Structures are given as C-alpha cells and as structure tokens.
N, C-alpha and C. Protein backbone atom coordinates (compact mmCIF):
# COMPACT_ATOMS: atom_id res chain seq x y z
N MET A 1 -51.56 158.43 -78.27
CA MET A 1 -50.48 158.22 -79.27
C MET A 1 -49.63 157.00 -78.94
N PRO A 2 -49.42 156.08 -79.90
CA PRO A 2 -48.67 154.88 -79.65
C PRO A 2 -47.21 155.18 -79.23
N HIS A 3 -46.63 154.40 -78.39
CA HIS A 3 -45.28 154.59 -77.89
C HIS A 3 -44.46 153.28 -78.14
N LEU A 4 -43.13 153.56 -78.32
CA LEU A 4 -42.26 152.41 -78.31
C LEU A 4 -41.56 152.40 -76.91
N LEU A 5 -41.68 151.25 -76.23
CA LEU A 5 -41.09 151.06 -74.92
C LEU A 5 -39.94 150.04 -75.05
N GLY A 6 -38.80 150.37 -74.59
CA GLY A 6 -37.62 149.54 -74.72
C GLY A 6 -37.31 148.75 -73.49
N TYR A 7 -36.89 147.48 -73.66
CA TYR A 7 -36.47 146.63 -72.53
C TYR A 7 -35.09 146.07 -72.77
N ALA A 8 -34.24 146.20 -71.76
CA ALA A 8 -32.88 145.63 -71.79
C ALA A 8 -32.67 144.76 -70.63
N ARG A 9 -31.73 143.75 -70.80
CA ARG A 9 -31.40 142.89 -69.64
C ARG A 9 -29.92 142.52 -69.76
N VAL A 10 -29.28 142.57 -68.58
CA VAL A 10 -27.94 141.98 -68.45
C VAL A 10 -27.96 140.93 -67.33
N SER A 11 -27.07 139.97 -67.41
CA SER A 11 -27.13 138.86 -66.47
C SER A 11 -26.54 139.12 -65.11
N THR A 12 -25.54 140.01 -65.08
CA THR A 12 -24.92 140.33 -63.79
C THR A 12 -24.69 141.84 -63.70
N ALA A 13 -24.45 142.29 -62.41
CA ALA A 13 -24.19 143.69 -62.21
C ALA A 13 -22.92 144.16 -62.86
N ASP A 14 -22.00 143.22 -63.19
CA ASP A 14 -20.72 143.61 -63.82
C ASP A 14 -20.89 143.92 -65.34
N GLN A 15 -22.01 143.44 -65.90
CA GLN A 15 -22.22 143.72 -67.30
C GLN A 15 -22.81 145.04 -67.49
N ASN A 16 -22.53 145.65 -68.65
CA ASN A 16 -22.97 146.96 -68.98
C ASN A 16 -24.13 146.98 -69.99
N PRO A 17 -25.27 147.59 -69.72
CA PRO A 17 -26.40 147.55 -70.71
C PRO A 17 -26.28 148.67 -71.69
N ASP A 18 -25.19 149.46 -71.75
CA ASP A 18 -25.18 150.63 -72.58
C ASP A 18 -25.34 150.35 -74.07
N LEU A 19 -24.79 149.26 -74.53
CA LEU A 19 -24.93 148.86 -75.95
C LEU A 19 -26.39 148.67 -76.31
N GLN A 20 -27.13 147.94 -75.45
CA GLN A 20 -28.56 147.79 -75.68
C GLN A 20 -29.32 149.10 -75.58
N LEU A 21 -29.00 149.88 -74.54
CA LEU A 21 -29.70 151.14 -74.32
C LEU A 21 -29.51 152.12 -75.48
N ASP A 22 -28.25 152.17 -75.99
CA ASP A 22 -27.96 153.09 -77.12
C ASP A 22 -28.82 152.68 -78.32
N ALA A 23 -28.91 151.38 -78.56
CA ALA A 23 -29.67 150.87 -79.73
C ALA A 23 -31.15 151.18 -79.55
N LEU A 24 -31.64 151.04 -78.33
CA LEU A 24 -33.06 151.33 -78.05
C LEU A 24 -33.38 152.78 -78.18
N ARG A 25 -32.43 153.64 -77.74
CA ARG A 25 -32.64 155.08 -77.91
C ARG A 25 -32.63 155.45 -79.38
N ALA A 26 -31.72 154.83 -80.15
CA ALA A 26 -31.65 155.11 -81.57
C ALA A 26 -32.93 154.75 -82.30
N ALA A 27 -33.65 153.74 -81.69
CA ALA A 27 -34.92 153.26 -82.30
C ALA A 27 -36.08 154.15 -81.81
N ASP A 28 -35.78 155.23 -81.10
CA ASP A 28 -36.79 156.22 -80.66
C ASP A 28 -37.72 155.66 -79.62
N CYS A 29 -37.16 154.85 -78.70
CA CYS A 29 -37.99 154.36 -77.61
C CYS A 29 -38.35 155.51 -76.67
N TYR A 30 -39.59 155.53 -76.24
CA TYR A 30 -40.15 156.54 -75.38
C TYR A 30 -39.60 156.39 -73.92
N ARG A 31 -39.55 155.15 -73.45
CA ARG A 31 -39.02 154.86 -72.11
C ARG A 31 -38.21 153.58 -72.19
N LEU A 32 -37.26 153.48 -71.27
CA LEU A 32 -36.39 152.28 -71.20
C LEU A 32 -36.49 151.64 -69.86
N PHE A 33 -36.47 150.30 -69.85
CA PHE A 33 -36.50 149.47 -68.61
C PHE A 33 -35.37 148.49 -68.69
N VAL A 34 -34.68 148.39 -67.55
CA VAL A 34 -33.49 147.51 -67.50
C VAL A 34 -33.55 146.55 -66.32
N ASP A 35 -33.33 145.29 -66.58
CA ASP A 35 -33.23 144.27 -65.49
C ASP A 35 -31.78 143.77 -65.45
N THR A 36 -31.37 143.46 -64.23
CA THR A 36 -30.08 142.71 -64.04
C THR A 36 -30.51 141.37 -63.46
N ALA A 37 -30.58 140.38 -64.30
CA ALA A 37 -31.08 139.02 -63.84
C ALA A 37 -30.71 138.05 -64.92
N SER A 38 -30.54 136.78 -64.47
CA SER A 38 -30.34 135.67 -65.37
C SER A 38 -31.61 135.48 -66.23
N GLY A 39 -31.40 135.11 -67.47
CA GLY A 39 -32.57 134.88 -68.33
C GLY A 39 -33.43 133.75 -67.88
N ALA A 40 -32.90 132.82 -67.04
CA ALA A 40 -33.66 131.65 -66.56
C ALA A 40 -34.59 132.03 -65.42
N LEU A 41 -34.38 133.19 -64.80
CA LEU A 41 -35.13 133.52 -63.57
C LEU A 41 -36.48 134.15 -63.93
N ASP A 42 -37.48 133.78 -63.11
CA ASP A 42 -38.83 134.42 -63.27
C ASP A 42 -38.83 135.87 -62.73
N ASP A 43 -38.00 136.21 -61.75
CA ASP A 43 -38.06 137.45 -61.05
C ASP A 43 -37.31 138.53 -61.83
N ARG A 44 -38.12 139.17 -62.72
CA ARG A 44 -37.53 140.24 -63.50
C ARG A 44 -38.52 141.46 -63.39
N PRO A 45 -38.34 142.24 -62.33
CA PRO A 45 -39.36 143.30 -62.01
C PRO A 45 -39.53 144.36 -63.13
N GLU A 46 -38.44 144.69 -63.81
CA GLU A 46 -38.64 145.72 -64.84
C GLU A 46 -39.37 145.21 -66.06
N LEU A 47 -39.19 143.92 -66.33
CA LEU A 47 -39.99 143.29 -67.43
C LEU A 47 -41.45 143.32 -67.06
N ALA A 48 -41.76 142.98 -65.82
CA ALA A 48 -43.14 143.01 -65.37
C ALA A 48 -43.69 144.39 -65.49
N THR A 49 -42.88 145.41 -65.14
CA THR A 49 -43.34 146.81 -65.18
C THR A 49 -43.67 147.23 -66.61
N VAL A 50 -42.75 146.95 -67.54
CA VAL A 50 -42.95 147.38 -68.91
C VAL A 50 -44.14 146.64 -69.54
N LEU A 51 -44.30 145.37 -69.26
CA LEU A 51 -45.50 144.62 -69.80
C LEU A 51 -46.76 145.21 -69.27
N ASP A 52 -46.74 145.69 -68.02
CA ASP A 52 -47.95 146.27 -67.44
C ASP A 52 -48.27 147.63 -68.04
N GLN A 53 -47.24 148.38 -68.43
CA GLN A 53 -47.44 149.72 -68.95
C GLN A 53 -47.74 149.81 -70.39
N LEU A 54 -47.55 148.75 -71.15
CA LEU A 54 -47.85 148.73 -72.57
C LEU A 54 -49.33 148.82 -72.83
N ARG A 55 -49.73 149.63 -73.74
CA ARG A 55 -51.16 149.84 -74.07
C ARG A 55 -51.36 149.44 -75.56
N PRO A 56 -52.60 149.19 -75.94
CA PRO A 56 -52.89 148.84 -77.33
C PRO A 56 -52.26 149.84 -78.29
N ALA A 57 -51.63 149.29 -79.34
CA ALA A 57 -50.94 150.09 -80.39
C ALA A 57 -49.55 150.46 -80.03
N ASP A 58 -49.14 150.25 -78.70
CA ASP A 58 -47.75 150.42 -78.34
C ASP A 58 -46.88 149.29 -78.89
N THR A 59 -45.59 149.42 -78.83
CA THR A 59 -44.66 148.36 -79.27
C THR A 59 -43.56 148.19 -78.25
N LEU A 60 -43.32 146.92 -77.86
CA LEU A 60 -42.17 146.58 -77.02
C LEU A 60 -40.97 146.34 -77.92
N VAL A 61 -39.86 147.02 -77.56
CA VAL A 61 -38.64 146.86 -78.38
C VAL A 61 -37.48 146.31 -77.56
N VAL A 62 -36.81 145.30 -78.07
CA VAL A 62 -35.60 144.74 -77.43
C VAL A 62 -34.48 144.78 -78.40
N TRP A 63 -33.27 144.75 -77.87
CA TRP A 63 -32.06 144.72 -78.72
C TRP A 63 -31.92 143.38 -79.43
N LYS A 64 -32.27 142.29 -78.68
CA LYS A 64 -32.12 140.96 -79.23
C LYS A 64 -33.11 140.05 -78.57
N LEU A 65 -33.53 139.02 -79.27
CA LEU A 65 -34.60 138.13 -78.78
C LEU A 65 -34.24 137.54 -77.43
N ASP A 66 -33.02 137.14 -77.19
CA ASP A 66 -32.69 136.44 -75.93
C ASP A 66 -32.68 137.35 -74.73
N ARG A 67 -32.82 138.68 -74.98
CA ARG A 67 -32.98 139.60 -73.85
C ARG A 67 -34.38 139.48 -73.17
N LEU A 68 -35.35 138.99 -73.96
CA LEU A 68 -36.72 138.92 -73.48
C LEU A 68 -37.08 137.58 -72.92
N GLY A 69 -36.82 136.47 -73.68
CA GLY A 69 -37.36 135.19 -73.28
C GLY A 69 -36.41 134.33 -72.48
N ARG A 70 -36.97 133.60 -71.47
CA ARG A 70 -36.16 132.61 -70.73
C ARG A 70 -35.86 131.41 -71.61
N SER A 71 -36.77 131.15 -72.54
CA SER A 71 -36.63 129.99 -73.48
C SER A 71 -37.47 130.36 -74.69
N LEU A 72 -37.37 129.53 -75.71
CA LEU A 72 -38.19 129.74 -76.88
C LEU A 72 -39.63 129.72 -76.53
N ARG A 73 -40.07 128.79 -75.68
CA ARG A 73 -41.48 128.71 -75.32
C ARG A 73 -41.97 129.92 -74.58
N HIS A 74 -41.13 130.42 -73.65
CA HIS A 74 -41.47 131.65 -72.90
C HIS A 74 -41.52 132.85 -73.85
N LEU A 75 -40.61 132.90 -74.81
CA LEU A 75 -40.62 134.02 -75.74
C LEU A 75 -41.90 133.99 -76.60
N ILE A 76 -42.23 132.81 -77.12
CA ILE A 76 -43.46 132.71 -77.90
C ILE A 76 -44.70 133.10 -77.11
N ASP A 77 -44.77 132.59 -75.87
CA ASP A 77 -45.95 132.93 -75.01
C ASP A 77 -46.01 134.40 -74.75
N THR A 78 -44.86 135.03 -74.49
CA THR A 78 -44.88 136.46 -74.18
C THR A 78 -45.36 137.30 -75.37
N ILE A 79 -44.78 136.96 -76.55
CA ILE A 79 -45.16 137.71 -77.80
C ILE A 79 -46.66 137.42 -78.11
N GLY A 80 -47.08 136.18 -77.90
CA GLY A 80 -48.52 135.86 -78.15
C GLY A 80 -49.43 136.69 -77.25
N ASP A 81 -49.03 136.85 -76.02
CA ASP A 81 -49.82 137.69 -75.05
C ASP A 81 -49.89 139.11 -75.53
N LEU A 82 -48.73 139.63 -75.98
CA LEU A 82 -48.67 141.02 -76.53
C LEU A 82 -49.60 141.17 -77.73
N GLN A 83 -49.56 140.19 -78.58
CA GLN A 83 -50.43 140.28 -79.78
C GLN A 83 -51.95 140.31 -79.39
N ARG A 84 -52.25 139.43 -78.45
CA ARG A 84 -53.67 139.43 -77.97
C ARG A 84 -54.10 140.77 -77.38
N ARG A 85 -53.16 141.49 -76.86
CA ARG A 85 -53.41 142.84 -76.29
C ARG A 85 -53.29 143.98 -77.35
N ASP A 86 -53.03 143.56 -78.65
CA ASP A 86 -52.79 144.56 -79.72
C ASP A 86 -51.57 145.40 -79.44
N VAL A 87 -50.55 144.73 -78.88
CA VAL A 87 -49.27 145.40 -78.70
C VAL A 87 -48.24 144.74 -79.64
N GLY A 88 -47.45 145.61 -80.27
CA GLY A 88 -46.46 145.09 -81.22
C GLY A 88 -45.17 144.70 -80.50
N PHE A 89 -44.27 144.05 -81.20
CA PHE A 89 -42.99 143.64 -80.73
C PHE A 89 -41.89 143.78 -81.80
N ARG A 90 -40.75 144.36 -81.40
CA ARG A 90 -39.62 144.51 -82.31
C ARG A 90 -38.36 144.02 -81.68
N SER A 91 -37.58 143.26 -82.45
CA SER A 91 -36.23 142.85 -82.00
C SER A 91 -35.25 143.49 -83.06
N LEU A 92 -34.35 144.33 -82.54
CA LEU A 92 -33.51 145.10 -83.48
C LEU A 92 -32.46 144.25 -84.20
N GLN A 93 -31.80 143.36 -83.44
CA GLN A 93 -30.73 142.58 -84.03
C GLN A 93 -31.26 141.57 -85.10
N GLU A 94 -32.40 140.96 -84.80
CA GLU A 94 -32.96 140.01 -85.76
C GLU A 94 -33.89 140.65 -86.76
N ASN A 95 -34.08 141.98 -86.66
CA ASN A 95 -34.95 142.71 -87.57
C ASN A 95 -36.31 142.12 -87.71
N ILE A 96 -36.91 141.85 -86.52
CA ILE A 96 -38.27 141.28 -86.48
C ILE A 96 -39.21 142.37 -85.97
N ASP A 97 -40.35 142.50 -86.61
CA ASP A 97 -41.31 143.44 -86.24
C ASP A 97 -42.72 142.79 -86.43
N THR A 98 -43.41 142.43 -85.33
CA THR A 98 -44.64 141.75 -85.47
C THR A 98 -45.83 142.66 -85.91
N THR A 99 -45.55 143.92 -86.08
CA THR A 99 -46.58 144.77 -86.66
C THR A 99 -46.60 144.68 -88.19
N THR A 100 -45.68 143.90 -88.77
CA THR A 100 -45.66 143.70 -90.21
C THR A 100 -46.07 142.25 -90.49
N PRO A 101 -46.57 142.00 -91.72
CA PRO A 101 -46.93 140.62 -92.08
C PRO A 101 -45.75 139.66 -91.98
N GLY A 102 -44.56 140.08 -92.40
CA GLY A 102 -43.39 139.21 -92.34
C GLY A 102 -43.02 138.86 -90.95
N GLY A 103 -43.08 139.81 -90.01
CA GLY A 103 -42.80 139.56 -88.58
C GLY A 103 -43.79 138.59 -87.99
N LYS A 104 -45.05 138.75 -88.34
CA LYS A 104 -46.07 137.81 -87.82
C LYS A 104 -45.77 136.39 -88.29
N LEU A 105 -45.39 136.24 -89.59
CA LEU A 105 -45.14 134.92 -90.13
C LEU A 105 -43.99 134.29 -89.39
N ILE A 106 -42.89 135.02 -89.10
CA ILE A 106 -41.74 134.51 -88.40
C ILE A 106 -42.17 133.97 -87.06
N PHE A 107 -43.02 134.66 -86.34
CA PHE A 107 -43.40 134.16 -85.02
C PHE A 107 -44.35 133.00 -85.06
N HIS A 108 -45.11 132.89 -86.13
CA HIS A 108 -45.93 131.68 -86.28
C HIS A 108 -44.96 130.46 -86.50
N LEU A 109 -43.92 130.67 -87.23
CA LEU A 109 -42.93 129.56 -87.44
C LEU A 109 -42.23 129.26 -86.15
N PHE A 110 -41.81 130.28 -85.40
CA PHE A 110 -41.20 130.03 -84.09
C PHE A 110 -42.13 129.22 -83.16
N GLY A 111 -43.39 129.59 -83.16
CA GLY A 111 -44.38 128.89 -82.35
C GLY A 111 -44.46 127.42 -82.74
N ALA A 112 -44.50 127.12 -84.03
CA ALA A 112 -44.55 125.75 -84.50
C ALA A 112 -43.28 124.97 -84.09
N LEU A 113 -42.14 125.61 -84.18
CA LEU A 113 -40.89 124.92 -83.76
C LEU A 113 -40.85 124.65 -82.28
N ALA A 114 -41.37 125.59 -81.47
CA ALA A 114 -41.37 125.38 -80.04
C ALA A 114 -42.31 124.20 -79.67
N GLU A 115 -43.45 124.10 -80.35
CA GLU A 115 -44.36 123.01 -80.07
C GLU A 115 -43.77 121.67 -80.52
N PHE A 116 -43.04 121.68 -81.64
CA PHE A 116 -42.37 120.50 -82.13
C PHE A 116 -41.33 120.02 -81.12
N GLU A 117 -40.56 120.99 -80.58
CA GLU A 117 -39.49 120.64 -79.58
C GLU A 117 -40.12 120.08 -78.34
N ARG A 118 -41.23 120.64 -77.93
CA ARG A 118 -41.90 120.13 -76.67
C ARG A 118 -42.41 118.72 -76.92
N ASP A 119 -42.95 118.44 -78.10
CA ASP A 119 -43.43 117.05 -78.40
C ASP A 119 -42.29 116.09 -78.44
N LEU A 120 -41.09 116.48 -78.96
CA LEU A 120 -39.97 115.59 -79.01
C LEU A 120 -39.51 115.25 -77.57
N ILE A 121 -39.47 116.23 -76.67
CA ILE A 121 -39.08 116.00 -75.27
C ILE A 121 -40.09 115.02 -74.61
N ARG A 122 -41.37 115.24 -74.89
CA ARG A 122 -42.39 114.37 -74.30
C ARG A 122 -42.27 112.94 -74.81
N GLN A 123 -42.00 112.79 -76.07
CA GLN A 123 -41.81 111.44 -76.65
C GLN A 123 -40.61 110.76 -76.05
N ARG A 124 -39.48 111.47 -75.97
CA ARG A 124 -38.27 110.87 -75.38
C ARG A 124 -38.54 110.52 -73.90
N THR A 125 -39.31 111.34 -73.22
CA THR A 125 -39.57 111.02 -71.79
C THR A 125 -40.39 109.68 -71.67
N LEU A 126 -41.43 109.60 -72.54
CA LEU A 126 -42.29 108.37 -72.48
C LEU A 126 -41.47 107.15 -72.90
N ALA A 127 -40.62 107.28 -73.90
CA ALA A 127 -39.77 106.18 -74.38
C ALA A 127 -38.85 105.75 -73.26
N GLY A 128 -38.21 106.69 -72.55
CA GLY A 128 -37.32 106.38 -71.48
C GLY A 128 -38.04 105.64 -70.35
N LEU A 129 -39.22 106.09 -70.02
CA LEU A 129 -40.03 105.41 -68.95
C LEU A 129 -40.40 103.99 -69.37
N ALA A 130 -40.75 103.83 -70.60
CA ALA A 130 -41.16 102.52 -71.12
C ALA A 130 -39.92 101.53 -71.07
N ALA A 131 -38.75 102.05 -71.43
CA ALA A 131 -37.52 101.23 -71.39
C ALA A 131 -37.21 100.85 -69.92
N ALA A 132 -37.40 101.75 -68.99
CA ALA A 132 -37.12 101.46 -67.60
C ALA A 132 -38.10 100.42 -67.06
N ARG A 133 -39.34 100.51 -67.46
CA ARG A 133 -40.33 99.50 -67.03
C ARG A 133 -40.01 98.14 -67.64
N ALA A 134 -39.53 98.13 -68.87
CA ALA A 134 -39.28 96.84 -69.56
C ALA A 134 -38.12 96.10 -68.85
N ARG A 135 -37.22 96.86 -68.29
CA ARG A 135 -36.06 96.19 -67.58
C ARG A 135 -36.52 95.67 -66.26
N GLY A 136 -37.58 96.22 -65.71
CA GLY A 136 -38.10 95.70 -64.40
C GLY A 136 -37.23 96.04 -63.24
N ARG A 137 -37.67 95.71 -62.07
CA ARG A 137 -36.98 95.96 -60.83
C ARG A 137 -37.02 94.68 -59.94
N THR A 138 -35.91 94.46 -59.25
CA THR A 138 -35.87 93.27 -58.37
C THR A 138 -35.28 93.63 -57.03
N GLY A 139 -35.86 93.04 -55.96
CA GLY A 139 -35.27 93.13 -54.59
C GLY A 139 -35.53 94.47 -53.94
N GLY A 140 -36.09 94.43 -52.72
CA GLY A 140 -36.22 95.59 -51.89
C GLY A 140 -37.18 96.63 -52.44
N ARG A 141 -37.23 97.71 -51.70
CA ARG A 141 -38.12 98.80 -52.13
C ARG A 141 -37.47 99.59 -53.31
N PRO A 142 -38.15 99.69 -54.43
CA PRO A 142 -37.51 100.37 -55.57
C PRO A 142 -37.29 101.86 -55.28
N PRO A 143 -36.21 102.43 -55.66
CA PRO A 143 -35.98 103.90 -55.48
C PRO A 143 -36.93 104.67 -56.36
N SER A 144 -37.37 105.85 -55.83
CA SER A 144 -38.30 106.64 -56.61
C SER A 144 -37.62 107.23 -57.87
N MET A 145 -36.30 107.55 -57.74
CA MET A 145 -35.55 108.12 -58.81
C MET A 145 -34.50 107.18 -59.32
N THR A 146 -34.80 106.48 -60.42
CA THR A 146 -33.81 105.60 -61.02
C THR A 146 -32.82 106.43 -61.91
N PRO A 147 -31.68 105.89 -62.29
CA PRO A 147 -30.78 106.66 -63.21
C PRO A 147 -31.47 107.15 -64.45
N THR A 148 -32.37 106.30 -64.98
CA THR A 148 -33.08 106.78 -66.19
C THR A 148 -33.97 107.96 -65.91
N LYS A 149 -34.71 107.93 -64.79
CA LYS A 149 -35.58 109.04 -64.42
C LYS A 149 -34.77 110.33 -64.15
N ILE A 150 -33.61 110.13 -63.49
CA ILE A 150 -32.78 111.27 -63.24
C ILE A 150 -32.29 111.93 -64.50
N ALA A 151 -31.87 111.08 -65.52
CA ALA A 151 -31.43 111.60 -66.79
C ALA A 151 -32.57 112.34 -67.51
N ILE A 152 -33.78 111.76 -67.46
CA ILE A 152 -34.94 112.34 -68.10
C ILE A 152 -35.31 113.67 -67.43
N ALA A 153 -35.26 113.68 -66.09
CA ALA A 153 -35.58 114.86 -65.34
C ALA A 153 -34.61 116.01 -65.64
N ARG A 154 -33.34 115.66 -65.73
CA ARG A 154 -32.36 116.70 -66.04
C ARG A 154 -32.54 117.22 -67.46
N GLN A 155 -32.87 116.34 -68.36
CA GLN A 155 -33.14 116.81 -69.77
C GLN A 155 -34.32 117.78 -69.81
N MET A 156 -35.38 117.47 -69.08
CA MET A 156 -36.55 118.32 -69.07
C MET A 156 -36.24 119.66 -68.34
N TYR A 157 -35.44 119.49 -67.26
CA TYR A 157 -35.09 120.68 -66.46
C TYR A 157 -34.24 121.63 -67.25
N ASP A 158 -33.24 121.09 -68.01
CA ASP A 158 -32.33 121.93 -68.75
C ASP A 158 -33.03 122.57 -69.91
N ALA A 159 -34.11 121.99 -70.41
CA ALA A 159 -34.84 122.59 -71.52
C ALA A 159 -35.55 123.86 -71.12
N GLN A 160 -35.70 124.13 -69.78
CA GLN A 160 -36.32 125.32 -69.19
C GLN A 160 -37.73 125.58 -69.69
N GLN A 161 -38.45 124.48 -69.99
CA GLN A 161 -39.80 124.63 -70.48
C GLN A 161 -40.78 123.89 -69.53
N HIS A 162 -40.31 123.36 -68.41
CA HIS A 162 -41.16 122.62 -67.54
C HIS A 162 -40.86 123.00 -66.07
N SER A 163 -41.90 123.19 -65.30
CA SER A 163 -41.72 123.46 -63.86
C SER A 163 -41.33 122.16 -63.16
N LEU A 164 -40.85 122.26 -61.94
CA LEU A 164 -40.56 121.04 -61.14
C LEU A 164 -41.78 120.20 -60.98
N ALA A 165 -42.97 120.88 -60.76
CA ALA A 165 -44.20 120.16 -60.56
C ALA A 165 -44.55 119.32 -61.80
N GLU A 166 -44.32 119.91 -63.02
CA GLU A 166 -44.64 119.14 -64.25
C GLU A 166 -43.69 117.96 -64.47
N ILE A 167 -42.41 118.19 -64.13
CA ILE A 167 -41.46 117.09 -64.23
C ILE A 167 -41.80 115.99 -63.27
N ALA A 168 -42.19 116.36 -62.02
CA ALA A 168 -42.53 115.35 -61.05
C ALA A 168 -43.77 114.54 -61.50
N ARG A 169 -44.77 115.21 -62.05
CA ARG A 169 -45.99 114.49 -62.50
C ARG A 169 -45.65 113.56 -63.63
N THR A 170 -44.81 114.03 -64.56
CA THR A 170 -44.46 113.17 -65.72
C THR A 170 -43.73 111.90 -65.25
N LEU A 171 -42.85 112.01 -64.28
CA LEU A 171 -42.06 110.90 -63.85
C LEU A 171 -42.75 110.10 -62.70
N GLY A 172 -43.81 110.59 -62.17
CA GLY A 172 -44.54 109.88 -61.14
C GLY A 172 -43.79 109.88 -59.79
N VAL A 173 -43.09 111.00 -59.50
CA VAL A 173 -42.37 111.09 -58.23
C VAL A 173 -42.76 112.43 -57.59
N SER A 174 -42.26 112.65 -56.35
CA SER A 174 -42.57 113.89 -55.65
C SER A 174 -41.67 115.01 -56.16
N ARG A 175 -42.10 116.25 -55.96
CA ARG A 175 -41.28 117.41 -56.32
C ARG A 175 -40.00 117.36 -55.47
N ALA A 176 -40.12 116.94 -54.22
CA ALA A 176 -38.91 116.90 -53.39
C ALA A 176 -37.81 115.95 -53.94
N SER A 177 -38.27 114.85 -54.60
CA SER A 177 -37.32 113.94 -55.20
C SER A 177 -36.58 114.62 -56.35
N ILE A 178 -37.35 115.33 -57.17
CA ILE A 178 -36.74 116.09 -58.31
C ILE A 178 -35.78 117.13 -57.78
N TYR A 179 -36.20 117.82 -56.77
CA TYR A 179 -35.39 118.90 -56.21
C TYR A 179 -34.06 118.34 -55.67
N ARG A 180 -34.13 117.20 -54.92
CA ARG A 180 -32.96 116.60 -54.29
C ARG A 180 -31.93 116.18 -55.36
N HIS A 181 -32.40 115.68 -56.49
CA HIS A 181 -31.48 115.12 -57.48
C HIS A 181 -30.95 116.17 -58.46
N LEU A 182 -31.67 117.31 -58.59
CA LEU A 182 -31.23 118.32 -59.56
C LEU A 182 -30.59 119.52 -58.95
N ALA A 183 -31.00 119.95 -57.78
CA ALA A 183 -30.48 121.19 -57.16
C ALA A 183 -29.28 120.88 -56.30
N ARG A 184 -28.15 120.63 -56.99
CA ARG A 184 -26.94 120.28 -56.27
C ARG A 184 -26.04 121.46 -56.01
N SER A 185 -25.97 122.39 -56.95
CA SER A 185 -25.10 123.53 -56.81
C SER A 185 -25.93 124.78 -56.38
N PRO A 186 -25.33 125.84 -55.80
CA PRO A 186 -26.04 127.03 -55.42
C PRO A 186 -26.81 127.64 -56.58
N ALA A 187 -26.17 127.68 -57.76
CA ALA A 187 -26.88 128.27 -58.89
C ALA A 187 -28.04 127.43 -59.32
N ALA A 188 -27.91 126.10 -59.32
CA ALA A 188 -28.99 125.23 -59.69
C ALA A 188 -30.12 125.31 -58.63
N GLU A 189 -29.71 125.41 -57.37
CA GLU A 189 -30.70 125.56 -56.33
C GLU A 189 -31.55 126.81 -56.45
N GLN A 190 -30.85 127.93 -56.81
CA GLN A 190 -31.60 129.19 -56.98
C GLN A 190 -32.54 129.04 -58.18
N ARG A 191 -32.09 128.43 -59.26
CA ARG A 191 -32.92 128.31 -60.43
C ARG A 191 -34.13 127.40 -60.13
N ALA A 192 -33.84 126.28 -59.43
CA ALA A 192 -34.88 125.36 -59.07
C ALA A 192 -35.90 125.97 -58.14
N THR A 193 -35.44 126.88 -57.26
CA THR A 193 -36.39 127.53 -56.32
C THR A 193 -37.36 128.40 -57.08
N HIS A 194 -36.83 129.12 -58.10
CA HIS A 194 -37.74 130.00 -58.88
C HIS A 194 -38.66 129.12 -59.70
N THR A 195 -38.17 128.01 -60.31
CA THR A 195 -39.00 127.17 -61.12
C THR A 195 -40.08 126.48 -60.25
N HIS A 196 -39.69 126.14 -59.03
CA HIS A 196 -40.60 125.43 -58.11
C HIS A 196 -41.80 126.28 -57.80
N THR A 197 -41.66 127.65 -57.79
CA THR A 197 -42.72 128.53 -57.38
C THR A 197 -43.57 128.92 -58.51
N ARG A 198 -43.23 128.42 -59.70
CA ARG A 198 -44.08 128.84 -60.87
C ARG A 198 -45.47 128.24 -60.77
C-alpha cells in the first residue's frame, strides 16, 4: 500500500517544527522525519533516512519547497531522483504534486530555469577570466587568486551549486586557495568544509 512520508526541517534547535509537523499530519502522512540543520549543509540524517525508506508509489511530502532543497539545483536533482524511483513529491504551501500532470510540468520548468541559471554563472565566470587575462600581469610571481578570481569564486560559492573542487578547476587554482579566501568566518568555514567533502 502506498504511503505518504513527511519531512520537516528547522535551521536551529531554537526553532519549532510544530507548524510543519501539524501540516504534514493533516496531509495524512504515515511517518514524519525532522532534521535540525541549515539548508546549505549536506549532513541531514533524517532526510537521508526518509529517502532510503521511500518505495515505488510512495510520496514524499514537505511543508514548503525550501525545507527540502539546499538550492534550486539540489531540489531539482532530488525530485528527479524520486521520479526515477517512481516516488511522488508534494509541497503543501506551493500546492505542487508531481503525481499530477500539472505538478510534473512545474518541475520541468524549474529544471529549465536551474539549467539557465547555471549557464549564466558559467558565462559570467568565463567573461571575468577573459577580462583578467586581457589586463595582463606584470612583475614578480603572479598571485593564484586575483581580486577578479576571488569575486568570481565567491559568486559561484554563494550560488550553492558548485563544490570547492569545481570552483578550483574553473579558476585554475588549488582547492586550498579557494578555501583560504572564502572560509573566513566560523559559519563559512563549516559550510566550506561540508562543500569540500562533496
């Protein structure tokens, strides 16, 4: 028999998930899973558990889209994986249900937008590198991270769609250089550490 499995997430221990849980119970979810973690972090054990327990014809239910995805790209990838497993997805606040034709259409549009955004970031990155090369460098050993590269790296990093390794490859520098210039605060360092291990 197909089941509805509910997933909720709050960012800190001080936040209360009751609003999400009440909505998920009202939607007749069979079981509920709750994480306390920033949306940017990979380490969400309850999400991993619910994804593992979903079976064909089941449906994953969330209160709101941003409770599931770290970014639009991550959200699209997760829903796409569910669809390949014949698992449905519902978001209560946005009234999206991928078991319906309308819900499937919405996620096709989301996927196209995510790809468009990624292409724009890539084009801006290449344009920035070309501008830096056109200005040239004089005197001494050139630094691996120029102001332009730092700005591009931060833009890619803040988009939350690229790992540190991907950013380093794009800019032609080491991951250590990216880490040194971006992980300045404890919060950024924690986020960078999780991204670094992807």
